[in-house]
Amino acid sequence: MIISPSLEEEFSLEKDAKAIMEDDQHDQIAELCAQLSKQNWYQQRIIKQATAHILELEAKIECYDFLDELTKKEKPPSFWQRFLKRD
């Protein structure tokens, strides 16, 4: 998946990063970094689990489609089809 941020989004991200780098309150910056590191860890796990769940669901759909194809039987003609077929 490729992320293509807009120019406004890129500018906002760079502006926020620059503000953090220029901040003189190192204790708050360290606390922010620790919180962001934890948040990143949890988000990575959620994405990994969600991706695995999506793959599992897609595999189930493929299996159901395959089984559906295997179990399809040609239906016998209805009464009207047989009746109209008589010539």
Protein backbone atom coordinates (compact mmCIF):
# COMPACT_ATOMS: atom_id res chain seq x y z
CA MET A 1 0.00 0.00 0.00
CA ILE A 2 1.40 3.37 -0.98
CA ILE A 3 0.57 6.47 1.02
CA SER A 4 0.30 9.67 -1.00
CA PRO A 5 -0.25 12.59 1.36
CA SER A 6 -1.45 15.87 -0.05
CA LEU A 7 0.86 18.87 -0.01
CA GLU A 8 -1.10 20.31 2.91
CA GLU A 9 -0.71 17.08 4.89
CA GLU A 10 3.03 16.93 4.19
CA PHE A 11 3.44 20.57 5.22
CA SER A 12 1.50 20.00 8.44
CA LEU A 13 3.57 16.93 9.30
CA GLU A 14 6.85 18.73 8.66
CA LYS A 15 5.67 21.79 10.63
CA ASP A 16 4.80 19.58 13.63
CA ALA A 17 8.13 17.74 13.42
CA LYS A 18 10.06 21.00 13.26
CA ALA A 19 8.16 22.40 16.26
CA ILE A 20 9.11 19.32 18.28
CA MET A 21 12.76 19.56 17.27
CA GLU A 22 12.94 23.25 18.21
CA ASP A 23 11.19 22.88 21.58
CA ASP A 24 13.36 23.61 24.63
CA GLN A 25 11.37 21.44 27.06
CA HIS A 26 13.33 18.21 26.76
CA ASP A 27 11.44 16.38 29.52
CA GLN A 28 8.13 16.86 27.72
CA ILE A 29 9.71 15.81 24.42
CA ALA A 30 11.06 12.63 26.02
CA GLU A 31 7.63 11.84 27.49
CA LEU A 32 5.99 12.46 24.12
CA CYS A 33 8.51 10.17 22.41
CA ALA A 34 7.85 7.40 24.94
CA GLN A 35 4.08 7.70 24.45
CA LEU A 36 4.44 7.72 20.68
CA SER A 37 6.68 4.67 20.82
CA LYS A 38 4.08 2.76 22.84
CA GLN A 39 1.27 3.91 20.55
CA ASN A 40 3.27 2.82 17.50
CA TRP A 41 3.83 -0.62 19.03
CA TYR A 42 0.11 -1.12 19.65
CA GLN A 43 -0.86 0.17 16.21
CA GLN A 44 1.59 -2.20 14.54
CA ARG A 45 0.05 -5.14 16.43
CA ILE A 46 -3.48 -4.07 15.52
CA ILE A 47 -2.56 -3.74 11.84
CA LYS A 48 -0.84 -7.13 11.89
CA GLN A 49 -3.83 -8.82 13.55
CA ALA A 50 -6.33 -7.07 11.28
CA THR A 51 -4.38 -8.09 8.17
CA ALA A 52 -4.23 -11.71 9.35
CA HIS A 53 -7.97 -11.67 10.05
CA ILE A 54 -8.73 -10.21 6.61
CA LEU A 55 -6.61 -12.91 4.96
CA GLU A 56 -8.41 -15.59 6.97
CA LEU A 57 -11.81 -14.24 5.91
CA GLU A 58 -10.75 -14.03 2.27
CA ALA A 59 -9.55 -17.65 2.41
CA LYS A 60 -12.90 -18.73 3.87
CA ILE A 61 -14.74 -16.93 1.07
CA GLU A 62 -12.58 -18.68 -1.52
CA CYS A 63 -13.29 -22.05 0.12
CA TYR A 64 -17.02 -21.38 0.19
CA ASP A 65 -16.96 -20.35 -3.47
CA PHE A 66 -15.01 -23.49 -4.35
CA LEU A 67 -17.40 -25.73 -2.41
CA ASP A 68 -20.35 -23.98 -3.99
CA GLU A 69 -18.97 -24.73 -7.44
CA LEU A 70 -18.39 -28.37 -6.50
CA THR A 71 -21.89 -28.85 -5.15
CA LYS A 72 -23.69 -27.17 -8.02
CA LYS A 73 -25.81 -29.73 -9.74
CA GLU A 74 -27.85 -29.24 -12.80
CA LYS A 75 -31.42 -28.79 -11.67
CA PRO A 76 -34.01 -30.97 -13.32
CA PRO A 77 -36.34 -29.06 -15.62
CA SER A 78 -39.47 -27.71 -14.00
CA PHE A 79 -42.91 -28.97 -14.84
CA TRP A 80 -43.50 -26.07 -17.22
CA GLN A 81 -40.17 -26.54 -18.95
CA ARG A 82 -40.99 -30.20 -19.54
CA PHE A 83 -44.54 -29.36 -20.58
CA LEU A 84 -43.47 -26.70 -23.07
CA LYS A 85 -40.71 -28.86 -24.42
CA ARG A 86 -43.20 -31.51 -25.60
CA ASP A 87 -43.86 -31.06 -29.25
